[in-house]
Amino acid sequence: METKNLKQEPFDVSEAINAQTEYCERTKAPFFAPRSGRCWKCGNNIYIPIEKHGRTTGVTVEKAGKELITGCPHCNTTFCD
C-alpha cells in the first residue's frame, strides 16, 4: 500500500494570534490583524483554512510568526487603511 506524504500546515487561531503578537513585538511592527482574528468585512477568521477556488486560504501559525499580516487572506480586504 502506497501512502502519500502530505504536508499539512497547522492552523490554530490562538497560536496564530500569539505568533502574530510576538512577531509584531519582536520587529516593532504595528499590529494590523484583528485581535479576534475575524475579518471585519467577510466575517471569516483569518487564521482558519477555507477552501476557495481550488486552493486553501488562511494564515498558518508559521506564517503569523514570520510575516506581518496586513489583510484578509479570504477576501483580500486590507487592514491598513
Protein backbone atom coordinates (compact mmCIF):
# COMPACT_ATOMS: atom_id res chain seq x y z
CA MET A 1 0.00 0.00 0.00
CA GLU A 2 1.34 3.40 -1.02
CA THR A 3 0.87 6.39 1.24
CA LYS A 4 1.28 9.99 0.28
CA ASN A 5 3.30 12.30 2.47
CA LEU A 6 1.10 15.39 2.51
CA LYS A 7 2.47 18.45 4.24
CA GLN A 8 -0.26 19.96 6.35
CA GLU A 9 0.26 23.42 7.71
CA PRO A 10 -1.02 23.94 11.23
CA PHE A 11 -3.97 26.26 11.60
CA ASP A 12 -4.72 27.25 15.18
CA VAL A 13 -6.44 30.53 15.97
CA SER A 14 -4.99 31.08 19.47
CA GLU A 15 -1.46 30.07 18.49
CA ALA A 16 -1.55 32.21 15.33
CA ILE A 17 -2.76 35.27 17.25
CA ASN A 18 0.05 34.73 19.77
CA ALA A 19 2.58 34.24 16.97
CA GLN A 20 1.49 37.46 15.22
CA THR A 21 1.60 39.37 18.52
CA GLU A 22 5.12 38.09 19.23
CA TYR A 23 6.22 38.89 15.66
CA CYS A 24 4.96 42.47 15.99
CA GLU A 25 6.62 42.92 19.38
CA ARG A 26 9.90 41.41 18.15
CA THR A 27 10.03 43.53 14.98
CA LYS A 28 8.36 46.60 16.49
CA ALA A 29 5.76 46.43 13.70
CA PRO A 30 2.19 47.70 14.13
CA PHE A 31 -0.46 45.06 14.75
CA PHE A 32 -2.94 45.34 11.85
CA ALA A 33 -4.73 41.97 12.08
CA PRO A 34 -7.99 41.89 14.05
CA ARG A 35 -7.30 40.83 17.66
CA SER A 36 -10.05 38.21 17.43
CA GLY A 37 -8.84 37.02 14.03
CA ARG A 38 -12.23 37.78 12.47
CA CYS A 39 -12.21 39.94 9.31
CA TRP A 40 -14.48 42.96 9.67
CA LYS A 41 -15.59 42.69 6.01
CA CYS A 42 -16.22 38.99 5.24
CA GLY A 43 -16.64 37.79 8.83
CA ASN A 44 -14.29 34.83 8.39
CA ASN A 45 -11.47 34.14 10.81
CA ILE A 46 -8.18 34.82 9.01
CA TYR A 47 -6.45 32.03 10.96
CA ILE A 48 -8.83 29.26 9.78
CA PRO A 49 -8.37 27.49 6.43
CA ILE A 50 -11.07 27.96 3.82
CA GLU A 51 -11.14 26.07 0.53
CA LYS A 52 -11.72 28.62 -2.21
CA HIS A 53 -11.49 28.12 -5.98
CA GLY A 54 -9.38 25.00 -5.62
CA ARG A 55 -6.93 26.46 -3.10
CA THR A 56 -6.82 26.92 0.63
CA THR A 57 -6.69 30.42 2.08
CA GLY A 58 -5.89 31.31 5.68
CA VAL A 59 -2.95 32.31 7.86
CA THR A 60 -0.99 29.45 9.43
CA VAL A 61 0.75 29.68 12.78
CA GLU A 62 4.08 29.57 10.94
CA LYS A 63 3.16 32.47 8.63
CA ALA A 64 1.79 34.52 11.55
CA GLY A 65 5.15 34.15 13.29
CA LYS A 66 7.20 35.17 10.24
CA GLU A 67 5.22 37.86 8.41
CA LEU A 68 3.24 40.99 9.18
CA ILE A 69 -0.42 40.25 8.48
CA THR A 70 -1.91 43.29 6.74
CA GLY A 71 -5.04 41.89 5.11
CA CYS A 72 -7.60 39.13 4.97
CA PRO A 73 -6.41 36.06 3.07
CA HIS A 74 -10.02 35.12 2.28
CA CYS A 75 -11.48 38.33 0.82
CA ASN A 76 -8.26 40.36 0.30
CA THR A 77 -9.50 43.28 2.39
CA THR A 78 -6.67 45.39 3.76
CA PHE A 79 -6.44 46.07 7.50
CA CYS A 80 -4.07 49.01 6.96
CA ASP A 81 -6.36 51.71 5.57
